[in-house]
Protein backbone atom coordinates (compact mmCIF):
# COMPACT_ATOMS: atom_id res chain seq x y z
CA MET A 1 -143.19 98.68 -87.75
CA HIS A 2 -145.65 97.64 -85.44
CA LYS A 3 -149.09 98.87 -86.80
CA ASP A 4 -152.26 97.63 -85.24
CA GLN A 5 -154.58 96.24 -87.76
CA HIS A 6 -158.24 97.05 -87.35
CA VAL A 7 -161.27 95.04 -88.85
CA VAL A 8 -163.82 97.68 -89.56
CA PRO A 9 -167.47 97.72 -91.07
CA CYS A 10 -167.33 99.23 -94.66
CA GLU A 11 -169.92 99.80 -97.26
CA ASP A 12 -169.46 96.17 -98.99
CA GLY A 13 -168.80 94.22 -95.75
CA TRP A 14 -165.69 94.24 -93.77
CA ALA A 15 -162.12 96.09 -94.28
CA VAL A 16 -158.67 95.86 -92.90
CA ARG A 17 -157.13 99.06 -92.32
CA GLY A 18 -153.74 99.72 -90.52
CA GLU A 19 -153.87 102.00 -87.53
CA GLY A 20 -153.73 105.71 -88.56
CA ASN A 21 -154.24 104.76 -92.61
CA SER A 22 -156.71 106.49 -94.40
CA LYS A 23 -156.76 103.73 -97.14
CA VAL A 24 -157.94 100.09 -96.30
CA THR A 25 -155.11 97.19 -96.86
CA SER A 26 -158.09 94.86 -97.85
CA LEU A 27 -161.74 94.29 -98.31
CA HIS A 28 -163.97 91.26 -97.47
CA THR A 29 -167.54 90.06 -97.52
CA THR A 30 -167.51 88.55 -94.19
CA GLN A 31 -166.05 89.68 -90.89
CA GLU A 32 -164.24 86.53 -90.38
CA ASP A 33 -162.28 86.50 -93.66
CA ALA A 34 -161.14 90.04 -92.61
CA ILE A 35 -160.19 88.91 -89.24
CA ARG A 36 -158.07 86.09 -90.81
CA ALA A 37 -156.47 88.67 -93.26
CA ALA A 38 -155.81 91.00 -90.22
CA ARG A 39 -154.52 88.13 -88.07
CA GLU A 40 -151.75 87.19 -90.88
CA ILE A 41 -150.54 91.08 -90.92
CA ALA A 42 -150.53 91.31 -87.32
CA ILE A 43 -148.33 88.05 -86.91
CA ASN A 44 -146.04 89.17 -89.60
CA GLN A 45 -145.71 92.60 -88.01
CA GLN A 46 -145.89 91.54 -84.29
CA SER A 47 -148.79 93.99 -83.74
CA GLU A 48 -152.37 93.63 -82.45
CA VAL A 49 -155.75 93.02 -84.11
CA VAL A 50 -158.61 95.18 -83.05
CA ILE A 51 -162.06 93.89 -84.05
CA HIS A 52 -165.12 96.40 -84.39
CA ARG A 53 -168.63 96.07 -84.37
CA ARG A 54 -170.93 97.20 -87.12
CA ASP A 55 -171.47 100.27 -84.95
CA GLY A 56 -167.79 100.80 -84.87
CA LYS A 57 -167.15 100.22 -81.18
CA ILE A 58 -164.49 97.71 -80.46
CA ARG A 59 -165.75 94.24 -80.02
CA ASP A 60 -162.46 92.40 -79.35
CA SER A 61 -158.57 92.21 -79.87
CA ASP A 62 -155.68 90.01 -79.91
CA SER A 63 -152.06 90.52 -79.45
CA TYR A 64 -149.45 88.71 -81.83
CA GLY A 65 -146.64 91.04 -80.45
CA ASN A 66 -143.44 89.93 -79.12
CA ASP A 67 -143.96 91.19 -75.68
CA PRO A 68 -142.42 89.27 -72.86
CA ASN A 69 -144.87 90.48 -70.24
CA PRO A 70 -148.30 90.50 -72.10
CA PRO A 71 -151.42 91.83 -70.36
CA ARG A 72 -153.35 88.77 -68.90
CA ASP A 73 -156.10 87.51 -71.14
CA GLN A 74 -159.39 88.71 -69.52
CA LYS A 75 -161.48 86.80 -72.22
CA HIS A 76 -160.68 83.18 -71.08
């Protein structure tokens, strides 16, 4: 299943949560640690990592899917 992984703020730091899940997959003290964990899951599931800011707005996203025609990278 290709479920996007969201890096979201939580009470004690940062969490990784699969899209549509009410429970978090993992908790982390830093956003960077949460991004690493989400990236590993996304690579395994060929999905996307969506990184949120503290205010909940999306900061960034990276695709690890197997799309033969991925969208052009606008960040670089």
